[in-house]
Amino acid sequence: MLPLGFTAFWLLGLSLVLLGATADSLRELLALDLEALGRLGATLSLALGLGVVVAGPLVDRFPRRPLFALSTLMAGAGLATVDAGTTLAGLTARVALLGLGIGLYDTLLNAVAVQRWGVAAGRWVALLHSGASLGAMLGPFALAPLVESNGFPTAFRALGVAFLALTVWVALQPLPPPTHRAATSERHPHLWRSPVLLALCGVSFAYVGVEGALTLFAVPYATDAVGLSAARGRLDISGLWLGLTAGRLALYFVHREPDARWLAWAGALAAALVLAGVGTQWTATFALYVATGLALGVVFPWMITLAGRHAPHAAGTAMGWVAGAGGLGGFVIPWVAGALGDWGGVRAAVASNGLWCLALAAAALWAAQAARSHR
């Protein structure tokens, strides 16, 4: 299961940077302004969020392999049908299908990890999610030749074919069934009243939004604000995800229970880096993005693990809700950042992420306090 899960997350990571890595081609061929680009990225995140929420109760109750295969088939079919004649509306629909697909299997794999590895799940979830950050780190390099030679449609189709190949692997891979209690239990109406899960939803909203916005606007920031090339902007995307990869891999060697206070420190450090880097117009943007990724590397895997551990008999539902809040943040924050960029320049769009990192830190402190009260 680990090789399949790592590969699936690797393709998920590629999907997360697909729009950012092809931003220059998208803006040129479809005549997009920053707000329209942000709206396209927001569509991906919103659909991903919907996918993870819908997947929660499904993976708690039904066989996992058919759900997994359906999700990869959706993502592959959406991307593989993009061509030079695809309009913005058609591309938006395909991006939404991609988001739904990867959202479904995101929650599925998280739930399987918590079920299989129990108290040690935090380390293994971090390892699985390092596949996503590794895919996002290498994605701009892998996609660059396709974008530069034939524009964004070729890059979209290549990723679609990879998802279709993954569907074949999924169909041959056995997965553990839902636990008996999770499969037969009624709905869990108490979960939405949990202060811990509500606080983690706040962390997720801010984190996924910042991750998406920094990725989406890296190329415009490099070209429009710092005077660098689009290739340097794609390198900055890789830098962000290099930092996230290193941070997540480091968690595998941390033999302790996840603690929301670590998330608060991560958010505060990332806020300081983003605001200082943009405020001083630091031209070493690659170093800035790597450092920000390192600061935030702990957030997603431990946030998801904390959600699953808080509701072990409805782990898929709890993790789906928290990840779904991230999808909503990924919809709102890039869109708002794009609007800020059209109004005050792309520096304003990128700098706004520092404020969202402060919101992440505040939500994490709330989660830590609520967890202590829950005990």
Protein backbone atom coordinates (compact mmCIF):
# COMPACT_ATOMS: atom_id res chain seq x y z
CA MET A 1 0.00 0.00 0.00
CA LEU A 2 2.87 2.40 0.79
CA PRO A 3 4.33 2.50 -2.78
CA LEU A 4 0.86 3.02 -4.28
CA GLY A 5 -0.02 5.70 -1.75
CA PHE A 6 3.27 7.53 -2.22
CA THR A 7 2.82 7.50 -6.01
CA ALA A 8 -0.76 8.74 -5.73
CA PHE A 9 0.34 11.61 -3.51
CA TRP A 10 3.20 12.33 -5.93
CA LEU A 11 0.65 12.85 -8.72
CA LEU A 12 -1.49 14.90 -6.34
CA GLY A 13 1.51 17.17 -5.78
CA LEU A 14 1.97 17.55 -9.53
CA SER A 15 -1.68 18.53 -9.76
CA LEU A 16 -1.27 21.20 -7.09
CA VAL A 17 1.44 23.00 -9.07
CA LEU A 18 -0.02 22.38 -12.52
CA LEU A 19 -1.67 25.79 -12.78
CA GLY A 20 1.26 27.65 -11.27
CA ALA A 21 3.79 25.91 -13.51
CA THR A 22 1.73 26.69 -16.61
CA ALA A 23 0.68 30.18 -15.50
CA ASP A 24 2.62 32.05 -18.18
CA SER A 25 1.12 29.88 -20.96
CA LEU A 26 -2.39 30.11 -19.47
CA ARG A 27 -2.19 33.90 -19.22
CA GLU A 28 -0.92 34.19 -22.79
CA LEU A 29 -3.15 31.69 -24.59
CA LEU A 30 -6.35 32.40 -22.64
CA ALA A 31 -5.68 36.12 -21.95
CA LEU A 32 -6.11 35.76 -18.17
CA ASP A 33 -5.57 38.54 -15.66
CA LEU A 34 -4.40 37.76 -12.11
CA GLU A 35 -7.92 37.51 -10.72
CA ALA A 36 -8.96 35.04 -13.43
CA LEU A 37 -5.86 32.96 -12.76
CA GLY A 38 -6.63 33.06 -9.06
CA ARG A 39 -10.21 32.01 -9.76
CA LEU A 40 -8.98 29.01 -11.74
CA GLY A 41 -6.74 27.99 -8.86
CA ALA A 42 -9.63 28.57 -6.46
CA THR A 43 -11.78 26.18 -8.51
CA LEU A 44 -9.19 23.43 -8.11
CA SER A 45 -9.05 23.93 -4.35
CA LEU A 46 -12.81 24.16 -3.91
CA ALA A 47 -13.36 20.96 -5.89
CA LEU A 48 -10.59 19.25 -3.93
CA GLY A 49 -12.25 20.36 -0.71
CA LEU A 50 -15.60 19.04 -1.84
CA GLY A 51 -13.93 15.74 -2.77
CA VAL A 52 -12.33 15.25 0.64
CA VAL A 53 -15.57 16.07 2.47
CA VAL A 54 -17.68 13.73 0.35
CA ALA A 55 -15.04 11.00 0.68
CA GLY A 56 -15.08 11.05 4.51
CA PRO A 57 -18.29 9.11 5.20
CA LEU A 58 -17.79 7.00 2.07
CA VAL A 59 -14.40 5.62 3.14
CA ASP A 60 -15.72 5.00 6.65
CA ARG A 61 -18.47 2.75 5.28
CA PHE A 62 -17.70 1.31 1.82
CA PRO A 63 -14.92 -0.72 0.12
CA ARG A 64 -11.95 1.47 -0.65
CA ARG A 65 -10.59 0.06 -3.92
CA PRO A 66 -13.60 1.01 -6.14
CA LEU A 67 -13.63 4.51 -4.64
CA PHE A 68 -9.89 4.89 -5.25
CA ALA A 69 -10.16 3.71 -8.87
CA LEU A 70 -13.10 6.04 -9.53
CA SER A 71 -11.15 9.00 -8.17
CA THR A 72 -8.07 8.44 -10.35
CA LEU A 73 -10.27 7.81 -13.39
CA MET A 74 -12.03 11.15 -12.83
CA ALA A 75 -8.74 13.04 -12.57
CA GLY A 76 -7.26 11.32 -15.61
CA ALA A 77 -10.33 11.75 -17.80
CA GLY A 78 -10.53 15.45 -16.99
CA LEU A 79 -6.93 16.26 -17.87
CA ALA A 80 -6.49 13.91 -20.83
CA THR A 81 -9.22 15.70 -22.80
CA VAL A 82 -7.61 19.17 -22.72
CA ASP A 83 -6.51 20.45 -26.14
CA ALA A 84 -5.64 23.70 -27.88
CA GLY A 85 -9.31 24.49 -28.48
CA THR A 86 -10.30 24.20 -24.82
CA THR A 87 -11.97 27.40 -23.58
CA LEU A 88 -11.65 28.90 -20.13
CA ALA A 89 -15.07 27.48 -19.20
CA GLY A 90 -14.08 24.03 -20.43
CA LEU A 91 -10.76 24.20 -18.62
CA THR A 92 -12.50 25.26 -15.42
CA ALA A 93 -14.78 22.21 -15.62
CA ARG A 94 -11.82 19.89 -16.16
CA VAL A 95 -9.88 21.46 -13.29
CA ALA A 96 -12.92 20.89 -11.07
CA LEU A 97 -13.04 17.22 -12.08
CA LEU A 98 -9.34 16.91 -11.26
CA GLY A 99 -9.92 18.46 -7.84
CA LEU A 100 -12.80 16.12 -7.03
CA GLY A 101 -10.72 13.10 -8.00
CA ILE A 102 -7.62 13.90 -5.98
CA GLY A 103 -9.77 15.04 -3.05
CA LEU A 104 -11.53 11.67 -2.91
CA TYR A 105 -8.36 9.64 -2.70
CA ASP A 106 -6.61 12.13 -0.41
CA THR A 107 -9.09 11.37 2.38
CA LEU A 108 -9.14 7.68 1.51
CA LEU A 109 -5.38 7.28 1.88
CA ASN A 110 -5.29 9.35 5.08
CA ALA A 111 -8.00 7.17 6.63
CA VAL A 112 -6.25 3.96 5.61
CA ALA A 113 -2.99 5.23 7.14
CA VAL A 114 -4.58 6.08 10.49
CA GLN A 115 -6.41 2.73 10.52
CA ARG A 116 -3.29 0.73 9.64
CA TRP A 117 -0.62 2.46 11.75
CA GLY A 118 -2.60 3.72 14.75
CA VAL A 119 -0.52 5.73 17.23
CA ALA A 120 2.41 5.81 14.79
CA ALA A 121 0.24 7.22 12.00
CA GLY A 122 1.70 10.72 12.24
CA ARG A 123 5.08 9.56 10.96
CA TRP A 124 3.59 7.51 8.13
CA VAL A 125 1.12 10.21 7.07
CA ALA A 126 4.07 12.61 6.90
CA LEU A 127 5.92 10.11 4.71
CA LEU A 128 2.94 9.70 2.39
CA HIS A 129 2.43 13.44 2.13
CA SER A 130 6.10 13.93 1.36
CA GLY A 131 5.20 12.25 -1.93
CA ALA A 132 2.85 15.16 -2.65
CA SER A 133 5.46 17.76 -1.81
CA LEU A 134 8.09 15.88 -3.83
CA GLY A 135 5.74 15.80 -6.83
CA ALA A 136 5.06 19.50 -6.45
CA MET A 137 8.78 20.23 -6.09
CA LEU A 138 9.75 18.34 -9.25
CA GLY A 139 6.58 19.20 -11.18
CA PRO A 140 7.69 22.56 -12.59
CA PHE A 141 10.89 20.98 -13.95
CA ALA A 142 9.01 18.05 -15.46
CA LEU A 143 6.32 20.25 -17.00
CA ALA A 144 8.57 23.07 -18.23
CA PRO A 145 9.67 21.41 -21.53
CA LEU A 146 6.06 20.57 -22.37
CA VAL A 147 4.86 24.10 -21.60
CA GLU A 148 7.67 25.82 -23.50
CA SER A 149 7.26 23.68 -26.61
CA ASN A 150 3.48 23.22 -26.90
CA GLY A 151 1.81 25.32 -24.20
CA PHE A 152 -0.34 24.23 -21.29
CA PRO A 153 -2.56 21.61 -23.12
CA THR A 154 0.32 19.15 -23.54
CA ALA A 155 1.25 19.39 -19.87
CA PHE A 156 -2.37 18.79 -18.83
CA ARG A 157 -2.70 15.75 -21.11
CA ALA A 158 0.56 14.19 -19.90
CA LEU A 159 -0.59 14.34 -16.29
CA GLY A 160 -3.97 12.92 -17.32
CA VAL A 161 -2.32 9.88 -18.90
CA ALA A 162 -0.36 9.32 -15.68
CA PHE A 163 -3.60 9.27 -13.67
CA LEU A 164 -5.15 6.77 -16.07
CA ALA A 165 -2.11 4.51 -15.64
CA LEU A 166 -2.48 4.82 -11.85
CA THR A 167 -6.09 3.59 -12.20
CA VAL A 168 -4.80 0.26 -13.52
CA TRP A 169 -2.46 -0.10 -10.52
CA VAL A 170 -5.27 0.75 -8.09
CA ALA A 171 -7.50 -1.93 -9.63
CA LEU A 172 -4.86 -4.57 -8.81
CA GLN A 173 -4.04 -3.41 -5.26
CA PRO A 174 -6.00 -4.79 -2.25
CA LEU A 175 -6.88 -2.24 0.42
CA PRO A 176 -8.09 -2.80 4.01
CA PRO A 177 -11.87 -2.57 4.53
CA PRO A 178 -13.42 -0.01 6.89
CA THR A 179 -13.34 -0.98 10.55
CA HIS A 180 -16.49 -2.71 11.71
CA ARG A 181 -17.56 0.11 13.98
CA ALA A 182 -16.93 2.79 11.38
CA ALA A 183 -18.72 0.81 8.71
CA THR A 184 -21.85 0.20 10.79
CA SER A 185 -22.08 3.37 12.88
CA GLU A 186 -24.66 6.06 12.41
CA ARG A 187 -23.75 9.60 11.46
CA HIS A 188 -21.52 11.46 13.89
CA PRO A 189 -23.41 14.73 14.59
CA HIS A 190 -21.21 15.55 17.59
CA LEU A 191 -18.13 16.08 15.45
CA TRP A 192 -19.14 19.48 14.14
CA ARG A 193 -19.41 20.75 17.75
CA SER A 194 -15.86 19.72 18.66
CA PRO A 195 -13.69 22.81 19.39
CA VAL A 196 -10.59 20.80 18.44
CA LEU A 197 -11.92 19.98 14.97
CA LEU A 198 -13.25 23.50 14.46
CA ALA A 199 -9.84 24.92 15.31
CA LEU A 200 -8.11 22.44 13.01
CA CYS A 201 -10.52 23.51 10.26
CA GLY A 202 -9.22 27.06 10.78
CA VAL A 203 -5.63 25.83 10.49
CA SER A 204 -6.50 23.94 7.33
CA PHE A 205 -8.35 26.90 5.76
CA ALA A 206 -5.32 29.16 6.16
CA TYR A 207 -2.66 26.57 5.29
CA VAL A 208 -4.13 25.24 2.04
CA GLY A 209 -4.98 28.76 0.91
CA VAL A 210 -1.43 29.97 1.52
CA GLU A 211 0.07 26.90 -0.14
CA GLY A 212 -2.11 27.44 -3.20
CA ALA A 213 -1.61 31.19 -3.44
CA LEU A 214 2.17 31.06 -3.06
CA THR A 215 2.31 28.39 -5.76
CA LEU A 216 -0.10 30.12 -8.11
CA PHE A 217 1.51 33.56 -8.00
CA ALA A 218 5.18 32.55 -7.88
CA VAL A 219 5.68 33.11 -11.63
CA PRO A 220 3.82 36.47 -11.75
CA TYR A 221 5.72 37.60 -8.64
CA ALA A 222 9.06 36.70 -10.19
CA THR A 223 8.32 38.38 -13.52
CA ASP A 224 6.22 41.39 -12.48
CA ALA A 225 7.55 42.30 -9.01
CA VAL A 226 11.19 41.20 -8.94
CA GLY A 227 12.11 41.41 -12.61
CA LEU A 228 13.12 37.77 -12.99
CA SER A 229 12.15 35.24 -15.66
CA ALA A 230 9.23 32.85 -15.73
CA ALA A 231 11.73 30.01 -15.38
CA ARG A 232 12.91 31.55 -12.10
CA GLY A 233 9.31 31.70 -10.95
CA ARG A 234 8.88 28.00 -11.67
CA LEU A 235 12.09 27.37 -9.75
CA ASP A 236 10.56 29.25 -6.79
CA ILE A 237 7.57 26.90 -6.87
CA SER A 238 9.99 24.01 -6.64
CA GLY A 239 11.75 25.81 -3.79
CA LEU A 240 8.55 26.09 -1.79
CA TRP A 241 7.82 22.40 -2.23
CA LEU A 242 11.44 21.44 -1.59
CA GLY A 243 11.07 23.04 1.82
CA LEU A 244 7.74 21.30 2.41
CA THR A 245 9.26 17.95 1.36
CA ALA A 246 12.20 18.33 3.73
CA GLY A 247 9.92 19.36 6.58
CA ARG A 248 7.59 16.42 6.07
CA LEU A 249 10.39 13.88 5.71
CA ALA A 250 11.95 15.19 8.92
CA LEU A 251 8.71 14.39 10.75
CA TYR A 252 9.22 10.70 10.00
CA PHE A 253 12.11 10.75 12.48
CA VAL A 254 10.12 12.54 15.21
CA HIS A 255 9.00 9.89 17.71
CA ARG A 256 6.44 11.89 19.65
CA GLU A 257 2.74 12.62 19.60
CA PRO A 258 1.61 15.42 17.26
CA ASP A 259 1.03 18.69 19.10
CA ALA A 260 -0.92 21.66 17.74
CA ARG A 261 1.54 24.06 19.36
CA TRP A 262 4.08 23.06 16.72
CA LEU A 263 1.62 24.23 14.11
CA ALA A 264 1.39 27.61 15.81
CA TRP A 265 5.16 28.06 15.74
CA ALA A 266 5.19 27.04 12.08
CA GLY A 267 2.55 29.61 11.15
CA ALA A 268 4.29 32.41 13.03
CA LEU A 269 7.67 31.67 11.42
CA ALA A 270 6.17 31.47 7.93
CA ALA A 271 4.39 34.79 8.47
CA ALA A 272 7.64 36.47 9.44
CA LEU A 273 9.44 35.07 6.40
CA VAL A 274 6.78 36.08 3.86
CA LEU A 275 6.23 39.57 5.22
CA ALA A 276 9.93 40.29 5.62
CA GLY A 277 10.84 38.86 2.21
CA VAL A 278 8.20 40.77 0.28
CA GLY A 279 8.57 43.92 2.37
CA THR A 280 12.30 44.15 1.68
CA GLN A 281 11.85 43.11 -1.97
CA TRP A 282 14.41 40.38 -1.41
CA THR A 283 15.54 39.12 -4.80
CA ALA A 284 16.75 35.75 -3.47
CA THR A 285 13.20 34.46 -3.94
CA PHE A 286 14.24 30.80 -4.16
CA ALA A 287 15.75 30.92 -0.67
CA LEU A 288 12.64 32.70 0.61
CA TYR A 289 10.33 30.04 -0.80
CA VAL A 290 12.48 27.17 0.52
CA ALA A 291 12.53 28.67 4.02
CA THR A 292 8.77 29.23 3.98
CA GLY A 293 8.21 25.64 2.88
CA LEU A 294 10.45 24.36 5.68
CA ALA A 295 8.48 26.38 8.21
CA LEU A 296 5.14 25.01 6.99
CA GLY A 297 6.23 21.42 6.35
CA VAL A 298 4.87 20.15 9.66
CA VAL A 299 1.40 21.59 9.23
CA PHE A 300 -0.65 19.40 6.91
CA PRO A 301 0.39 15.87 7.98
CA TRP A 302 0.14 16.61 11.70
CA MET A 303 -3.08 18.58 11.30
CA ILE A 304 -4.67 15.63 9.49
CA THR A 305 -3.31 13.14 12.01
CA LEU A 306 -4.64 15.20 14.92
CA ALA A 307 -8.09 15.20 13.30
CA GLY A 308 -8.07 11.42 12.79
CA ARG A 309 -6.78 10.73 16.29
CA HIS A 310 -9.44 12.99 17.81
CA ALA A 311 -12.24 10.86 16.26
CA PRO A 312 -10.69 7.41 15.69
CA HIS A 313 -14.00 5.67 14.88
CA ALA A 314 -14.97 8.29 12.32
CA ALA A 315 -11.48 9.18 11.14
CA GLY A 316 -12.41 9.52 7.49
CA THR A 317 -15.26 11.89 8.28
CA ALA A 318 -13.19 14.01 10.69
CA MET A 319 -10.21 14.24 8.33
CA GLY A 320 -12.54 14.95 5.43
CA TRP A 321 -14.09 17.89 7.23
CA VAL A 322 -10.73 19.35 8.18
CA ALA A 323 -9.26 18.86 4.71
CA GLY A 324 -12.49 20.22 3.24
CA ALA A 325 -12.02 23.43 5.18
CA GLY A 326 -8.64 23.60 3.51
CA GLY A 327 -10.32 23.30 0.13
CA LEU A 328 -12.51 26.27 1.04
CA GLY A 329 -9.41 28.23 2.05
CA GLY A 330 -7.78 27.24 -1.20
CA PHE A 331 -10.80 28.70 -2.99
CA VAL A 332 -11.03 31.96 -1.04
CA ILE A 333 -7.40 32.93 -0.44
CA PRO A 334 -5.97 32.69 -4.01
CA TRP A 335 -9.04 34.45 -5.40
CA VAL A 336 -8.74 37.27 -2.86
CA ALA A 337 -4.99 37.43 -3.42
CA GLY A 338 -5.54 37.71 -7.17
CA ALA A 339 -7.99 40.56 -6.68
CA LEU A 340 -5.47 42.28 -4.39
CA GLY A 341 -2.83 41.77 -7.06
CA ASP A 342 -4.95 43.43 -9.75
CA TRP A 343 -5.62 46.34 -7.37
CA GLY A 344 -2.26 46.85 -5.67
CA GLY A 345 0.24 44.77 -7.62
CA VAL A 346 1.43 41.22 -7.29
CA ARG A 347 3.53 42.12 -4.22
CA ALA A 348 0.30 42.79 -2.34
CA ALA A 349 -1.05 39.43 -3.46
CA VAL A 350 1.97 37.55 -2.13
CA ALA A 351 2.31 39.62 1.05
CA SER A 352 -1.28 38.85 2.05
CA ASN A 353 -0.20 35.25 2.66
CA GLY A 354 1.83 36.41 5.64
CA LEU A 355 -1.37 37.58 7.35
CA TRP A 356 -3.03 34.25 6.66
CA CYS A 357 -0.05 32.50 8.26
CA LEU A 358 -0.70 34.54 11.41
CA ALA A 359 -4.33 33.38 11.30
CA LEU A 360 -3.04 29.80 11.02
CA ALA A 361 -0.94 30.28 14.16
CA ALA A 362 -3.91 31.66 16.09
CA ALA A 363 -6.14 28.75 15.07
CA ALA A 364 -3.42 26.26 16.08
CA LEU A 365 -3.17 27.82 19.54
CA TRP A 366 -6.95 27.46 19.85
CA ALA A 367 -6.65 23.80 18.86
CA ALA A 368 -3.94 23.18 21.46
CA GLN A 369 -6.02 24.83 24.19
CA ALA A 370 -9.14 22.90 23.18
CA ALA A 371 -7.22 19.61 23.16
CA ARG A 372 -5.99 20.21 26.71
CA SER A 373 -9.54 20.99 27.84
CA HIS A 374 -10.83 17.86 26.06
CA ARG A 375 -8.51 15.66 28.12
